[in-house]
Amino acid sequence: MQPKLEKVPHYSTSSMFVKREIVPYMDYPWHYHPEFEIIFVEKSYGVRLMGDNISNFSDGDLMFIGSNLPHVWRNDKDFYGGREDLLVDVYVIQFKIDDLSKGFFDLPEFMHIRKLFLLGQQGVLIKGKDHKKISDLIKEVYYSSGIDRLAFFIKTLDAIANTKEYELLSSPGYSNSINSTDTERINKVMNFIMENFPDEITLEEIANLVNLNKSSFCRYFKSRTKKTFSQFLNEIRIAHACKLLVNGNIKISQICYETGYNNISHFNRQFKLITGLTAKEYSKKYLINANQESETQIES
């Protein structure tokens, strides 16, 4: 999938770009930039695309993203209906390695942070007990300025680099497949899929959307995303199914039809293929994990 190159503003008074956005919904295209990025989604939910990974996200999503790794956060449809009780609250830090000073991170004290930069090529999802400490440090970076901001920034990188509880999302080397052409075309495809995945989407329909025949579209889509169109569509649908399984008391047969499948056997096959579990096993595993987290919070 062809992402859009984002040009990040730089200021002479700071060695990094820091912002907080409180908006009704996320409207970013699928994009990439040469800067590294730390993003803390304090409030929002939907689906996240990180390289070739497709996952759900919710309040507290915390990521370290390497240079030129394509990514986007896309809200659920609830956010686009004008509901006043829903909003996005997100903190972002973007920086280039050489913005502080060329060779700064080559100092021996930063060896662990250099390793973090390599891990960032896959997108680092931060979990566990260090999550709150790191998210608090990100807020300190936002609310401070001058040398205090720089100090909090270094502490944030140090905390992320030292955490043991994280998940690498994208396949290794995905960011190296970037190409800056036909951005509008692929974002048009992605937006259409995200808005219409609960309905039937035919290959002919999606190919016509970007003025290609079916065989040309299949080659085009696979060359950009490293996935077939049907594989990508199924992963979007199953990600939404996972969310429905854990967010409400909905029958699996109903989830099947609400995510674009008209055959429960096909739904079950795709669910097992993508998650490694049946829908019942996934739901049961989530409940066990949720109960364990609640017990841990009570004990602490």
C-alpha atoms as a PDB file:
ATOM      1  CA  MET A   1       0.000   0.000   0.000  1.00  0.00           C
ATOM      2  CA  GLN A   2       1.443   3.311  -1.099  1.00  0.00           C
ATOM      3  CA  PRO A   3       1.649   5.732   1.857  1.00  0.00           C
ATOM      4  CA  LYS A   4       1.803   9.521   1.741  1.00  0.00           C
ATOM      5  CA  LEU A   5       5.027  11.306   2.640  1.00  0.00           C
ATOM      6  CA  GLU A   6       4.313  13.592   5.596  1.00  0.00           C
ATOM      7  CA  LYS A   7       6.468  16.699   5.987  1.00  0.00           C
ATOM      8  CA  VAL A   8       6.958  17.351   9.692  1.00  0.00           C
ATOM      9  CA  PRO A   9       7.504  21.021  10.657  1.00  0.00           C
ATOM     10  CA  HIS A  10      10.753  21.904  12.402  1.00  0.00           C
ATOM     11  CA  TYR A  11      11.477  24.893  14.601  1.00  0.00           C
ATOM     12  CA  SER A  12      14.804  26.534  15.416  1.00  0.00           C
ATOM     13  CA  THR A  13      13.825  26.683  19.093  1.00  0.00           C
ATOM     14  CA  SER A  14      13.435  22.917  19.545  1.00  0.00           C
ATOM     15  CA  SER A  15      15.219  19.746  18.440  1.00  0.00           C
ATOM     16  CA  MET A  16      11.906  17.863  18.189  1.00  0.00           C
ATOM     17  CA  PHE A  17       8.316  18.470  17.110  1.00  0.00           C
ATOM     18  CA  VAL A  18       5.788  17.979  19.918  1.00  0.00           C
ATOM     19  CA  LYS A  19       2.021  18.324  19.736  1.00  0.00           C
ATOM     20  CA  ARG A  20      -1.210  17.350  21.405  1.00  0.00           C
ATOM     21  CA  GLU A  21      -4.365  16.986  19.346  1.00  0.00           C
ATOM     22  CA  ILE A  22      -7.907  16.927  20.728  1.00  0.00           C
ATOM     23  CA  VAL A  23     -10.161  16.402  17.721  1.00  0.00           C
ATOM     24  CA  PRO A  24     -13.491  14.695  16.897  1.00  0.00           C
ATOM     25  CA  TYR A  25     -11.803  11.916  14.887  1.00  0.00           C
ATOM     26  CA  MET A  26      -8.538  10.877  13.228  1.00  0.00           C
ATOM     27  CA  ASP A  27      -8.423  11.909   9.574  1.00  0.00           C
ATOM     28  CA  TYR A  28      -4.798  11.179   8.664  1.00  0.00           C
ATOM     29  CA  PRO A  29      -4.024   9.271   5.466  1.00  0.00           C
ATOM     30  CA  TRP A  30      -1.752   6.235   5.486  1.00  0.00           C
ATOM     31  CA  HIS A  31       1.630   7.994   5.635  1.00  0.00           C
ATOM     32  CA  TYR A  32       5.294   7.855   6.543  1.00  0.00           C
ATOM     33  CA  HIS A  33       8.047  10.352   7.346  1.00  0.00           C
ATOM     34  CA  PRO A  34      11.820  10.281   7.928  1.00  0.00           C
ATOM     35  CA  GLU A  35      11.328  11.267  11.566  1.00  0.00           C
ATOM     36  CA  PHE A  36      11.028   8.760  14.402  1.00  0.00           C
ATOM     37  CA  GLU A  37       7.741   9.068  16.283  1.00  0.00           C
ATOM     38  CA  ILE A  38       6.438   8.442  19.780  1.00  0.00           C
ATOM     39  CA  ILE A  39       2.646   8.502  19.925  1.00  0.00           C
ATOM     40  CA  PHE A  40       0.382   8.144  22.948  1.00  0.00           C
ATOM     41  CA  VAL A  41      -3.335   7.843  22.193  1.00  0.00           C
ATOM     42  CA  GLU A  42      -4.830   8.723  25.554  1.00  0.00           C
ATOM     43  CA  LYS A  43      -8.402   8.557  24.299  1.00  0.00           C
ATOM     44  CA  SER A  44      -9.725   6.934  21.099  1.00  0.00           C
ATOM     45  CA  TYR A  45     -10.381   3.551  19.526  1.00  0.00           C
ATOM     46  CA  GLY A  46     -10.445   1.945  16.109  1.00  0.00           C
ATOM     47  CA  VAL A  47      -8.032   0.050  13.887  1.00  0.00           C
ATOM     48  CA  ARG A  48      -4.285   0.648  13.492  1.00  0.00           C
ATOM     49  CA  LEU A  49      -2.216  -0.161  10.396  1.00  0.00           C
ATOM     50  CA  MET A  50       1.516  -0.396  11.109  1.00  0.00           C
ATOM     51  CA  GLY A  51       3.511  -1.534   8.092  1.00  0.00           C
ATOM     52  CA  ASP A  52       1.903  -4.860   7.188  1.00  0.00           C
ATOM     53  CA  ASN A  53       0.248  -5.293  10.601  1.00  0.00           C
ATOM     54  CA  ILE A  54      -3.484  -4.678  11.144  1.00  0.00           C
ATOM     55  CA  SER A  55      -4.682  -4.474  14.769  1.00  0.00           C
ATOM     56  CA  ASN A  56      -7.310  -2.845  16.940  1.00  0.00           C
ATOM     57  CA  PHE A  57      -6.365  -0.013  19.261  1.00  0.00           C
ATOM     58  CA  SER A  58      -8.096   1.627  22.197  1.00  0.00           C
ATOM     59  CA  ASP A  59      -7.479   4.168  24.973  1.00  0.00           C
ATOM     60  CA  GLY A  60      -3.830   4.143  26.033  1.00  0.00           C
ATOM     61  CA  ASP A  61      -2.310   2.950  22.741  1.00  0.00           C
ATOM     62  CA  LEU A  62       1.426   3.718  23.001  1.00  0.00           C
ATOM     63  CA  MET A  63       3.873   3.253  20.119  1.00  0.00           C
ATOM     64  CA  PHE A  64       7.458   3.952  19.114  1.00  0.00           C
ATOM     65  CA  ILE A  65       7.669   4.148  15.313  1.00  0.00           C
ATOM     66  CA  GLY A  66      10.834   4.035  13.241  1.00  0.00           C
ATOM     67  CA  SER A  67      11.807   6.259  10.334  1.00  0.00           C
ATOM     68  CA  ASN A  68       9.773   5.740   7.126  1.00  0.00           C
ATOM     69  CA  LEU A  69       7.509   3.016   8.539  1.00  0.00           C
ATOM     70  CA  PRO A  70       4.018   3.555   7.028  1.00  0.00           C
ATOM     71  CA  HIS A  71       1.235   3.853   9.586  1.00  0.00           C
ATOM     72  CA  VAL A  72      -2.249   5.172  10.271  1.00  0.00           C
ATOM     73  CA  TRP A  73      -4.812   5.125  13.062  1.00  0.00           C
ATOM     74  CA  ARG A  74      -8.397   4.955  11.832  1.00  0.00           C
ATOM     75  CA  ASN A  75     -11.373   5.467  14.142  1.00  0.00           C
ATOM     76  CA  ASP A  76     -14.455   3.283  14.251  1.00  0.00           C
ATOM     77  CA  LYS A  77     -17.500   4.601  12.423  1.00  0.00           C
ATOM     78  CA  ASP A  78     -18.915   5.868  15.739  1.00  0.00           C
ATOM     79  CA  PHE A  79     -16.508   8.824  15.583  1.00  0.00           C
ATOM     80  CA  TYR A  80     -17.649  10.055  12.170  1.00  0.00           C
ATOM     81  CA  GLY A  81     -21.323  10.505  13.071  1.00  0.00           C
ATOM     82  CA  GLY A  82     -20.963  13.753  15.005  1.00  0.00           C
ATOM     83  CA  ARG A  83     -21.288  12.213  18.460  1.00  0.00           C
ATOM     84  CA  GLU A  84     -20.281  14.788  21.065  1.00  0.00           C
ATOM     85  CA  ASP A  85     -19.353  12.141  23.662  1.00  0.00           C
ATOM     86  CA  LEU A  86     -16.518  10.813  21.482  1.00  0.00           C
ATOM     87  CA  LEU A  87     -13.192  12.525  20.867  1.00  0.00           C
ATOM     88  CA  VAL A  88      -9.545  11.825  20.114  1.00  0.00           C
ATOM     89  CA  ASP A  89      -6.836  12.929  22.544  1.00  0.00           C
ATOM     90  CA  VAL A  90      -3.324  12.127  21.307  1.00  0.00           C
ATOM     91  CA  TYR A  91       0.246  13.211  22.163  1.00  0.00           C
ATOM     92  CA  VAL A  92       2.937  13.059  19.465  1.00  0.00           C
ATOM     93  CA  ILE A  93       6.739  13.495  19.559  1.00  0.00           C
ATOM     94  CA  GLN A  94       8.647  13.436  16.255  1.00  0.00           C
ATOM     95  CA  PHE A  95      12.411  13.766  15.835  1.00  0.00           C
ATOM     96  CA  LYS A  96      15.371  12.965  13.607  1.00  0.00           C
ATOM     97  CA  ILE A  97      18.433  11.264  15.063  1.00  0.00           C
ATOM     98  CA  ASP A  98      20.772  14.051  13.967  1.00  0.00           C
ATOM     99  CA  ASP A  99      18.519  16.924  15.094  1.00  0.00           C
ATOM    100  CA  LEU A 100      20.138  17.024  18.532  1.00  0.00           C
ATOM    101  CA  SER A 101      23.690  16.863  17.208  1.00  0.00           C
ATOM    102  CA  LYS A 102      25.319  14.586  14.686  1.00  0.00           C
ATOM    103  CA  GLY A 103      26.729  11.602  16.536  1.00  0.00           C
ATOM    104  CA  PHE A 104      24.841  12.421  19.770  1.00  0.00           C
ATOM    105  CA  PHE A 105      23.268   8.964  20.004  1.00  0.00           C
ATOM    106  CA  ASP A 106      26.630   7.325  19.250  1.00  0.00           C
ATOM    107  CA  LEU A 107      27.675   8.010  22.836  1.00  0.00           C
ATOM    108  CA  PRO A 108      28.145   4.744  24.792  1.00  0.00           C
ATOM    109  CA  GLU A 109      25.420   5.764  27.257  1.00  0.00           C
ATOM    110  CA  PHE A 110      22.888   5.525  24.434  1.00  0.00           C
ATOM    111  CA  MET A 111      23.716   2.029  23.196  1.00  0.00           C
ATOM    112  CA  HIS A 112      20.314   0.709  24.353  1.00  0.00           C
ATOM    113  CA  ILE A 113      18.546   3.594  22.598  1.00  0.00           C
ATOM    114  CA  ARG A 114      20.338   2.795  19.327  1.00  0.00           C
ATOM    115  CA  LYS A 115      18.902  -0.715  19.630  1.00  0.00           C
ATOM    116  CA  LEU A 116      15.467   0.843  20.107  1.00  0.00           C
ATOM    117  CA  PHE A 117      15.886   2.741  16.825  1.00  0.00           C
ATOM    118  CA  LEU A 118      16.400  -0.613  15.067  1.00  0.00           C
ATOM    119  CA  LEU A 119      13.346  -2.152  16.735  1.00  0.00           C
ATOM    120  CA  GLY A 120      11.336   0.886  15.656  1.00  0.00           C
ATOM    121  CA  GLN A 121      11.600  -0.287  12.046  1.00  0.00           C
ATOM    122  CA  GLN A 122       8.861  -2.778  12.958  1.00  0.00           C
ATOM    123  CA  GLY A 123       6.812  -0.499  15.204  1.00  0.00           C
ATOM    124  CA  VAL A 124       7.076  -1.054  18.984  1.00  0.00           C
ATOM    125  CA  LEU A 125       3.794  -1.401  20.897  1.00  0.00           C
ATOM    126  CA  ILE A 126       4.479  -0.701  24.573  1.00  0.00           C
ATOM    127  CA  LYS A 127       2.634  -2.743  27.189  1.00  0.00           C
ATOM    128  CA  GLY A 128       2.813  -3.753  30.827  1.00  0.00           C
ATOM    129  CA  LYS A 129       3.912  -2.065  34.010  1.00  0.00           C
ATOM    130  CA  ASP A 130       6.127   0.561  32.306  1.00  0.00           C
ATOM    131  CA  HIS A 131       3.241   1.891  30.217  1.00  0.00           C
ATOM    132  CA  LYS A 132       2.075   4.490  32.763  1.00  0.00           C
ATOM    133  CA  LYS A 133       5.597   5.710  33.501  1.00  0.00           C
ATOM    134  CA  ILE A 134       6.298   6.218  29.788  1.00  0.00           C
ATOM    135  CA  SER A 135       2.962   7.890  29.037  1.00  0.00           C
ATOM    136  CA  ASP A 136       3.516  10.282  31.971  1.00  0.00           C
ATOM    137  CA  LEU A 137       6.969  11.154  30.623  1.00  0.00           C
ATOM    138  CA  ILE A 138       5.466  11.911  27.200  1.00  0.00           C
ATOM    139  CA  LYS A 139       3.109  14.378  28.857  1.00  0.00           C
ATOM    140  CA  GLU A 140       6.054  15.950  30.684  1.00  0.00           C
ATOM    141  CA  VAL A 141       7.762  16.484  27.308  1.00  0.00           C
ATOM    142  CA  TYR A 142       4.634  18.185  25.985  1.00  0.00           C
ATOM    143  CA  TYR A 143       4.114  20.484  28.974  1.00  0.00           C
ATOM    144  CA  SER A 144       7.782  21.490  29.404  1.00  0.00           C
ATOM    145  CA  SER A 145      10.113  23.592  27.263  1.00  0.00           C
ATOM    146  CA  GLY A 146      13.781  24.346  26.754  1.00  0.00           C
ATOM    147  CA  ILE A 147      16.326  22.157  28.482  1.00  0.00           C
ATOM    148  CA  ASP A 148      13.627  20.587  30.686  1.00  0.00           C
ATOM    149  CA  ARG A 149      11.850  19.312  27.571  1.00  0.00           C
ATOM    150  CA  LEU A 150      15.108  17.849  26.259  1.00  0.00           C
ATOM    151  CA  ALA A 151      15.770  16.117  29.587  1.00  0.00           C
ATOM    152  CA  PHE A 152      12.276  14.595  29.701  1.00  0.00           C
ATOM    153  CA  PHE A 153      12.656  13.514  26.068  1.00  0.00           C
ATOM    154  CA  ILE A 154      15.878  11.610  26.831  1.00  0.00           C
ATOM    155  CA  LYS A 155      14.218  10.033  29.875  1.00  0.00           C
ATOM    156  CA  THR A 156      11.300   8.957  27.667  1.00  0.00           C
ATOM    157  CA  LEU A 157      13.614   7.262  25.157  1.00  0.00           C
ATOM    158  CA  ASP A 158      15.521   5.629  28.023  1.00  0.00           C
ATOM    159  CA  ALA A 159      12.305   4.270  29.553  1.00  0.00           C
ATOM    160  CA  ILE A 160      11.065   2.880  26.229  1.00  0.00           C
ATOM    161  CA  ALA A 161      14.446   1.311  25.452  1.00  0.00           C
ATOM    162  CA  ASN A 162      14.566  -0.370  28.868  1.00  0.00           C
ATOM    163  CA  THR A 163      11.058  -1.805  28.948  1.00  0.00           C
ATOM    164  CA  LYS A 164      10.794  -5.561  28.581  1.00  0.00           C
ATOM    165  CA  GLU A 165       7.082  -5.642  27.816  1.00  0.00           C
ATOM    166  CA  TYR A 166       6.510  -4.740  24.199  1.00  0.00           C
ATOM    167  CA  GLU A 167       5.352  -6.219  20.895  1.00  0.00           C
ATOM    168  CA  LEU A 168       6.908  -5.729  17.449  1.00  0.00           C
ATOM    169  CA  LEU A 169       4.086  -5.275  14.956  1.00  0.00           C
ATOM    170  CA  SER A 170       5.320  -5.143  11.357  1.00  0.00           C
ATOM    171  CA  SER A 171       7.507  -7.560   9.422  1.00  0.00           C
ATOM    172  CA  PRO A 172      11.251  -6.717   9.377  1.00  0.00           C
ATOM    173  CA  GLY A 173      12.308  -4.537   6.452  1.00  0.00           C
ATOM    174  CA  TYR A 174       8.807  -3.366   5.541  1.00  0.00           C
ATOM    175  CA  SER A 175       9.776   0.320   5.736  1.00  0.00           C
ATOM    176  CA  ASN A 176      12.384  -0.288   3.038  1.00  0.00           C
ATOM    177  CA  SER A 177       9.641  -1.015   0.462  1.00  0.00           C
ATOM    178  CA  ILE A 178       8.476   2.617   0.391  1.00  0.00           C
ATOM    179  CA  ASN A 179       7.799   4.392  -2.871  1.00  0.00           C
ATOM    180  CA  SER A 180       6.303   7.893  -3.053  1.00  0.00           C
ATOM    181  CA  THR A 181       4.182   7.500  -6.206  1.00  0.00           C
ATOM    182  CA  ASP A 182       0.376   7.193  -6.596  1.00  0.00           C
ATOM    183  CA  THR A 183      -0.377   8.183  -2.993  1.00  0.00           C
ATOM    184  CA  GLU A 184      -3.894   9.349  -3.763  1.00  0.00           C
ATOM    185  CA  ARG A 185      -4.789   6.091  -5.490  1.00  0.00           C
ATOM    186  CA  ILE A 186      -3.873   3.746  -2.661  1.00  0.00           C
ATOM    187  CA  ASN A 187      -5.373   5.961   0.034  1.00  0.00           C
ATOM    188  CA  LYS A 188      -8.582   6.002  -1.994  1.00  0.00           C
ATOM    189  CA  VAL A 189      -8.569   2.186  -1.945  1.00  0.00           C
ATOM    190  CA  MET A 190      -7.836   2.021   1.771  1.00  0.00           C
ATOM    191  CA  ASN A 191     -10.545   4.542   2.680  1.00  0.00           C
ATOM    192  CA  PHE A 192     -13.104   2.649   0.617  1.00  0.00           C
ATOM    193  CA  ILE A 193     -12.248  -0.650   2.313  1.00  0.00           C
ATOM    194  CA  MET A 194     -12.327   0.847   5.805  1.00  0.00           C
ATOM    195  CA  GLU A 195     -15.727   2.444   5.180  1.00  0.00           C
ATOM    196  CA  ASN A 196     -17.357  -0.505   3.420  1.00  0.00           C
ATOM    197  CA  PHE A 197     -15.808  -3.715   4.808  1.00  0.00           C
ATOM    198  CA  PRO A 198     -19.095  -4.830   6.486  1.00  0.00           C
ATOM    199  CA  ASP A 199     -20.659  -4.963   3.011  1.00  0.00           C
ATOM    200  CA  GLU A 200     -19.792  -7.088   0.012  1.00  0.00           C
ATOM    201  CA  ILE A 201     -16.837  -5.593  -1.895  1.00  0.00           C
ATOM    202  CA  THR A 202     -16.145  -7.207  -5.241  1.00  0.00           C
ATOM    203  CA  LEU A 203     -12.772  -7.207  -6.922  1.00  0.00           C
ATOM    204  CA  GLU A 204     -14.336  -5.572  -9.968  1.00  0.00           C
ATOM    205  CA  GLU A 205     -15.781  -2.778  -7.821  1.00  0.00           C
ATOM    206  CA  ILE A 206     -12.513  -1.945  -6.073  1.00  0.00           C
ATOM    207  CA  ALA A 207     -10.533  -2.139  -9.338  1.00  0.00           C
ATOM    208  CA  ASN A 208     -12.967   0.224 -11.086  1.00  0.00           C
ATOM    209  CA  LEU A 209     -12.545   2.669  -8.205  1.00  0.00           C
ATOM    210  CA  VAL A 210      -8.959   3.338  -9.334  1.00  0.00           C
ATOM    211  CA  ASN A 211      -9.493   2.755 -13.049  1.00  0.00           C
ATOM    212  CA  LEU A 212      -7.695  -0.598 -13.314  1.00  0.00           C
ATOM    213  CA  ASN A 213      -8.832  -3.955 -14.605  1.00  0.00           C
ATOM    214  CA  LYS A 214      -9.019  -6.811 -12.106  1.00  0.00           C
ATOM    215  CA  SER A 215      -5.719  -8.500 -12.934  1.00  0.00           C
ATOM    216  CA  SER A 216      -3.826  -5.178 -12.968  1.00  0.00           C
ATOM    217  CA  PHE A 217      -5.341  -4.194  -9.648  1.00  0.00           C
ATOM    218  CA  CYS A 218      -4.360  -7.504  -8.041  1.00  0.00           C
ATOM    219  CA  ARG A 219      -0.736  -7.089  -9.136  1.00  0.00           C
ATOM    220  CA  TYR A 220      -0.738  -3.441  -8.053  1.00  0.00           C
ATOM    221  CA  PHE A 221      -2.238  -4.096  -4.627  1.00  0.00           C
ATOM    222  CA  LYS A 222       0.045  -7.061  -3.856  1.00  0.00           C
ATOM    223  CA  SER A 223       3.161  -5.112  -4.902  1.00  0.00           C
ATOM    224  CA  ARG A 224       2.280  -2.272  -2.543  1.00  0.00           C
ATOM    225  CA  THR A 225       0.923  -4.076   0.508  1.00  0.00           C
ATOM    226  CA  LYS A 226       2.690  -7.472   0.358  1.00  0.00           C
ATOM    227  CA  LYS A 227      -0.832  -8.911   0.755  1.00  0.00           C
ATOM    228  CA  THR A 228      -3.532  -9.955  -1.664  1.00  0.00           C
ATOM    229  CA  PHE A 229      -6.665  -7.814  -1.690  1.00  0.00           C
ATOM    230  CA  SER A 230      -8.739 -10.634  -0.155  1.00  0.00           C
ATOM    231  CA  GLN A 231      -6.134 -11.189   2.578  1.00  0.00           C
ATOM    232  CA  PHE A 232      -6.122  -7.486   3.478  1.00  0.00           C
ATOM    233  CA  LEU A 233      -9.931  -7.312   3.498  1.00  0.00           C
ATOM    234  CA  ASN A 234     -10.196 -10.428   5.670  1.00  0.00           C
ATOM    235  CA  GLU A 235      -7.704  -9.040   8.187  1.00  0.00           C
ATOM    236  CA  ILE A 236      -9.699  -5.801   8.480  1.00  0.00           C
ATOM    237  CA  ARG A 237     -12.916  -7.763   8.966  1.00  0.00           C
ATOM    238  CA  ILE A 238     -11.466 -10.177  11.528  1.00  0.00           C
ATOM    239  CA  ALA A 239      -9.887  -7.313  13.486  1.00  0.00           C
ATOM    240  CA  HIS A 240     -13.369  -5.807  13.778  1.00  0.00           C
ATOM    241  CA  ALA A 241     -14.793  -9.204  14.739  1.00  0.00           C
ATOM    242  CA  CYS A 242     -12.255  -9.449  17.564  1.00  0.00           C
ATOM    243  CA  LYS A 243     -13.390  -6.072  18.849  1.00  0.00           C
ATOM    244  CA  LEU A 244     -17.051  -7.110  18.791  1.00  0.00           C
ATOM    245  CA  LEU A 245     -16.212 -10.332  20.630  1.00  0.00           C
ATOM    246  CA  VAL A 246     -14.606  -8.530  23.561  1.00  0.00           C
ATOM    247  CA  ASN A 247     -16.763  -5.400  23.678  1.00  0.00           C
ATOM    248  CA  GLY A 248     -20.224  -6.861  23.924  1.00  0.00           C
ATOM    249  CA  ASN A 249     -22.430  -9.881  24.435  1.00  0.00           C
ATOM    250  CA  ILE A 250     -22.964 -10.589  20.731  1.00  0.00           C
ATOM    251  CA  LYS A 251     -23.452 -14.033  19.253  1.00  0.00           C
ATOM    252  CA  ILE A 252     -20.696 -15.258  16.954  1.00  0.00           C
ATOM    253  CA  SER A 253     -23.224 -15.845  14.178  1.00  0.00           C
ATOM    254  CA  GLN A 254     -24.291 -12.201  14.398  1.00  0.00           C
ATOM    255  CA  ILE A 255     -20.667 -11.013  14.375  1.00  0.00           C
ATOM    256  CA  CYS A 256     -20.123 -13.075  11.241  1.00  0.00           C
ATOM    257  CA  TYR A 257     -22.764 -11.126   9.321  1.00  0.00           C
ATOM    258  CA  GLU A 258     -21.866  -7.735  10.819  1.00  0.00           C
ATOM    259  CA  THR A 259     -18.273  -8.041   9.574  1.00  0.00           C
ATOM    260  CA  GLY A 260     -19.094  -8.769   5.960  1.00  0.00           C
ATOM    261  CA  TYR A 261     -19.335 -12.567   5.898  1.00  0.00           C
ATOM    262  CA  ASN A 262     -22.461 -14.389   4.749  1.00  0.00           C
ATOM    263  CA  ASN A 263     -21.215 -17.855   5.628  1.00  0.00           C
ATOM    264  CA  ILE A 264     -20.390 -18.875   9.206  1.00  0.00           C
ATOM    265  CA  SER A 265     -18.026 -21.657   8.078  1.00  0.00           C
ATOM    266  CA  HIS A 266     -15.999 -19.214   5.982  1.00  0.00           C
ATOM    267  CA  PHE A 267     -15.937 -16.744   8.889  1.00  0.00           C
ATOM    268  CA  ASN A 268     -14.677 -19.441  11.259  1.00  0.00           C
ATOM    269  CA  ARG A 269     -11.936 -20.508   8.824  1.00  0.00           C
ATOM    270  CA  GLN A 270     -10.710 -16.946   8.345  1.00  0.00           C
ATOM    271  CA  PHE A 271     -10.834 -16.210  12.076  1.00  0.00           C
ATOM    272  CA  LYS A 272      -8.714 -19.268  12.898  1.00  0.00           C
ATOM    273  CA  LEU A 273      -6.316 -18.565  10.018  1.00  0.00           C
ATOM    274  CA  ILE A 274      -5.685 -14.947  11.092  1.00  0.00           C
ATOM    275  CA  THR A 275      -5.765 -15.166  14.899  1.00  0.00           C
ATOM    276  CA  GLY A 276      -4.675 -18.786  15.415  1.00  0.00           C
ATOM    277  CA  LEU A 277      -7.770 -19.328  17.575  1.00  0.00           C
ATOM    278  CA  THR A 278     -11.440 -20.027  17.032  1.00  0.00           C
ATOM    279  CA  ALA A 279     -13.814 -17.187  17.889  1.00  0.00           C
ATOM    280  CA  LYS A 280     -14.895 -19.032  21.064  1.00  0.00           C
ATOM    281  CA  GLU A 281     -11.279 -19.618  22.109  1.00  0.00           C
ATOM    282  CA  TYR A 282     -10.419 -15.965  21.445  1.00  0.00           C
ATOM    283  CA  SER A 283     -13.326 -14.728  23.556  1.00  0.00           C
ATOM    284  CA  LYS A 284     -12.447 -17.099  26.393  1.00  0.00           C
ATOM    285  CA  LYS A 285      -8.773 -16.089  26.300  1.00  0.00           C
ATOM    286  CA  TYR A 286      -9.708 -12.410  26.459  1.00  0.00           C
ATOM    287  CA  LEU A 287     -11.958 -12.935  29.489  1.00  0.00           C
ATOM    288  CA  ILE A 288      -9.189 -14.843  31.315  1.00  0.00           C
ATOM    289  CA  ASN A 289      -6.647 -12.091  30.574  1.00  0.00           C
ATOM    290  CA  ALA A 290      -9.099  -9.356  31.600  1.00  0.00           C
ATOM    291  CA  ASN A 291      -9.802 -11.103  34.927  1.00  0.00           C
ATOM    292  CA  GLN A 292      -6.076 -11.522  35.591  1.00  0.00           C
ATOM    293  CA  GLU A 293      -5.453  -7.819  34.912  1.00  0.00           C
ATOM    294  CA  SER A 294      -8.281  -6.848  37.246  1.00  0.00           C
ATOM    295  CA  GLU A 295      -6.869  -9.038  40.020  1.00  0.00           C
ATOM    296  CA  THR A 296      -3.410  -7.499  39.514  1.00  0.00           C
ATOM    297  CA  GLN A 297      -4.836  -3.980  39.760  1.00  0.00           C
ATOM    298  CA  ILE A 298      -6.720  -4.850  42.951  1.00  0.00           C
ATOM    299  CA  GLU A 299      -3.577  -6.350  44.524  1.00  0.00           C
ATOM    300  CA  SER A 300      -1.503  -3.296  43.612  1.00  0.00           C
END
